[in-house]
Amino acid sequence: MNTPYPPPPPPPAAAGSDRTVLWGVLGIILGLLCCGILGIVFGYLSIRDAKRYGQSPVLGYLAIAFGVLNIVGSGILWAGGNYPLYND
């Protein structure tokens, strides 16, 4: 009977420390409306927290996709001369 004890379970996360949905929603909103780079950053944070807490990373992937679409769309508009900030 020399079997080692099993390892202790990991400590539970502090209440309120899971911000998966917050990062995902912020990333989607900012990725769609104004700042594609911030959408990508918040999407990454959402995916990281989702993996850490065992949740679905769908919001993070959507935020990254919308951020990339924002950047690509802005680049296309700017290259075509239709970007409203640079019309002369």
C-alpha atoms as a PDB file:
ATOM      1  CA  MET A   1       0.000   0.000   0.000  1.00  0.00           C
ATOM      2  CA  ASN A   2       2.598   2.483  -1.108  1.00  0.00           C
ATOM      3  CA  THR A   3       0.417   4.293  -3.631  1.00  0.00           C
ATOM      4  CA  PRO A   4       0.883   8.065  -3.807  1.00  0.00           C
ATOM      5  CA  TYR A   5      -1.978  10.385  -3.109  1.00  0.00           C
ATOM      6  CA  PRO A   6      -3.713  11.900  -6.159  1.00  0.00           C
ATOM      7  CA  PRO A   7      -2.891  15.539  -6.859  1.00  0.00           C
ATOM      8  CA  PRO A   8      -5.233  18.084  -5.318  1.00  0.00           C
ATOM      9  CA  PRO A   9      -7.831  19.663  -7.609  1.00  0.00           C
ATOM     10  CA  PRO A  10      -6.996  23.081  -9.010  1.00  0.00           C
ATOM     11  CA  PRO A  11      -8.251  26.012  -6.956  1.00  0.00           C
ATOM     12  CA  PRO A  12     -11.558  27.454  -8.161  1.00  0.00           C
ATOM     13  CA  ALA A  13     -11.425  30.715 -10.046  1.00  0.00           C
ATOM     14  CA  ALA A  14     -12.400  33.817  -8.146  1.00  0.00           C
ATOM     15  CA  ALA A  15     -15.958  34.937  -8.715  1.00  0.00           C
ATOM     16  CA  GLY A  16     -16.217  37.560 -11.428  1.00  0.00           C
ATOM     17  CA  SER A  17     -12.820  36.819 -12.979  1.00  0.00           C
ATOM     18  CA  ASP A  18     -14.324  35.186 -16.096  1.00  0.00           C
ATOM     19  CA  ARG A  19     -14.600  37.885 -18.751  1.00  0.00           C
ATOM     20  CA  THR A  20     -15.042  35.687 -21.815  1.00  0.00           C
ATOM     21  CA  VAL A  21     -18.365  37.207 -22.853  1.00  0.00           C
ATOM     22  CA  LEU A  22     -17.221  40.759 -22.087  1.00  0.00           C
ATOM     23  CA  TRP A  23     -14.122  40.473 -24.299  1.00  0.00           C
ATOM     24  CA  GLY A  24     -16.120  38.759 -27.050  1.00  0.00           C
ATOM     25  CA  VAL A  25     -18.905  41.346 -27.166  1.00  0.00           C
ATOM     26  CA  LEU A  26     -16.450  44.253 -27.018  1.00  0.00           C
ATOM     27  CA  GLY A  27     -14.449  42.682 -29.838  1.00  0.00           C
ATOM     28  CA  ILE A  28     -17.515  42.196 -32.020  1.00  0.00           C
ATOM     29  CA  ILE A  29     -18.796  45.738 -31.466  1.00  0.00           C
ATOM     30  CA  LEU A  30     -15.431  47.412 -32.018  1.00  0.00           C
ATOM     31  CA  GLY A  31     -14.564  45.111 -34.911  1.00  0.00           C
ATOM     32  CA  LEU A  32     -17.789  45.976 -36.710  1.00  0.00           C
ATOM     33  CA  LEU A  33     -18.003  49.680 -35.982  1.00  0.00           C
ATOM     34  CA  CYS A  34     -14.623  51.309 -35.837  1.00  0.00           C
ATOM     35  CA  CYS A  35     -11.421  49.589 -34.823  1.00  0.00           C
ATOM     36  CA  GLY A  36     -10.554  46.312 -36.488  1.00  0.00           C
ATOM     37  CA  ILE A  37      -7.314  45.958 -34.550  1.00  0.00           C
ATOM     38  CA  LEU A  38      -9.102  46.292 -31.214  1.00  0.00           C
ATOM     39  CA  GLY A  39     -11.640  43.726 -32.388  1.00  0.00           C
ATOM     40  CA  ILE A  40      -8.818  41.275 -33.033  1.00  0.00           C
ATOM     41  CA  VAL A  41      -7.189  41.982 -29.664  1.00  0.00           C
ATOM     42  CA  PHE A  42     -10.422  41.558 -27.705  1.00  0.00           C
ATOM     43  CA  GLY A  43     -11.226  38.437 -29.725  1.00  0.00           C
ATOM     44  CA  TYR A  44      -7.901  36.942 -28.709  1.00  0.00           C
ATOM     45  CA  LEU A  45      -8.570  37.791 -25.062  1.00  0.00           C
ATOM     46  CA  SER A  46     -11.995  36.147 -25.302  1.00  0.00           C
ATOM     47  CA  ILE A  47     -10.547  32.948 -26.783  1.00  0.00           C
ATOM     48  CA  ARG A  48      -7.835  32.861 -24.131  1.00  0.00           C
ATOM     49  CA  ASP A  49     -10.356  33.193 -21.298  1.00  0.00           C
ATOM     50  CA  ALA A  50     -12.706  30.669 -22.911  1.00  0.00           C
ATOM     51  CA  LYS A  51      -9.945  28.057 -22.981  1.00  0.00           C
ATOM     52  CA  ARG A  52      -8.945  28.903 -19.425  1.00  0.00           C
ATOM     53  CA  TYR A  53     -12.476  28.510 -18.034  1.00  0.00           C
ATOM     54  CA  GLY A  54     -13.716  25.741 -20.334  1.00  0.00           C
ATOM     55  CA  GLN A  55     -16.264  27.802 -22.258  1.00  0.00           C
ATOM     56  CA  SER A  56     -17.092  28.180 -25.939  1.00  0.00           C
ATOM     57  CA  PRO A  57     -14.688  30.460 -27.868  1.00  0.00           C
ATOM     58  CA  VAL A  58     -17.234  31.368 -30.581  1.00  0.00           C
ATOM     59  CA  LEU A  59     -17.511  35.040 -29.581  1.00  0.00           C
ATOM     60  CA  GLY A  60     -13.752  35.427 -29.803  1.00  0.00           C
ATOM     61  CA  TYR A  61     -13.613  33.892 -33.268  1.00  0.00           C
ATOM     62  CA  LEU A  62     -16.435  36.164 -34.433  1.00  0.00           C
ATOM     63  CA  ALA A  63     -14.666  39.217 -33.022  1.00  0.00           C
ATOM     64  CA  ILE A  64     -11.466  38.312 -34.870  1.00  0.00           C
ATOM     65  CA  ALA A  65     -13.376  37.681 -38.104  1.00  0.00           C
ATOM     66  CA  PHE A  66     -15.208  41.017 -37.889  1.00  0.00           C
ATOM     67  CA  GLY A  67     -11.969  42.842 -37.058  1.00  0.00           C
ATOM     68  CA  VAL A  68     -10.249  41.358 -40.100  1.00  0.00           C
ATOM     69  CA  LEU A  69     -13.254  42.195 -42.303  1.00  0.00           C
ATOM     70  CA  ASN A  70     -13.139  45.774 -41.029  1.00  0.00           C
ATOM     71  CA  ILE A  71      -9.439  46.105 -41.848  1.00  0.00           C
ATOM     72  CA  VAL A  72      -9.799  44.513 -45.290  1.00  0.00           C
ATOM     73  CA  GLY A  73     -12.897  46.570 -46.125  1.00  0.00           C
ATOM     74  CA  SER A  74     -11.239  49.790 -45.025  1.00  0.00           C
ATOM     75  CA  GLY A  75      -8.200  48.949 -47.133  1.00  0.00           C
ATOM     76  CA  ILE A  76     -10.347  48.303 -50.201  1.00  0.00           C
ATOM     77  CA  LEU A  77     -12.256  51.562 -49.740  1.00  0.00           C
ATOM     78  CA  TRP A  78      -9.040  53.496 -49.182  1.00  0.00           C
ATOM     79  CA  ALA A  79      -7.356  51.970 -52.249  1.00  0.00           C
ATOM     80  CA  GLY A  80     -10.373  52.764 -54.405  1.00  0.00           C
ATOM     81  CA  GLY A  81     -10.436  56.376 -53.308  1.00  0.00           C
ATOM     82  CA  ASN A  82     -13.835  56.060 -51.622  1.00  0.00           C
ATOM     83  CA  TYR A  83     -12.640  56.403 -48.055  1.00  0.00           C
ATOM     84  CA  PRO A  84     -14.519  59.375 -46.555  1.00  0.00           C
ATOM     85  CA  LEU A  85     -11.614  60.656 -44.456  1.00  0.00           C
ATOM     86  CA  TYR A  86      -9.287  61.156 -47.403  1.00  0.00           C
ATOM     87  CA  ASN A  87     -11.590  62.530 -50.122  1.00  0.00           C
ATOM     88  CA  ASP A  88     -10.338  65.820 -51.460  1.00  0.00           C
END
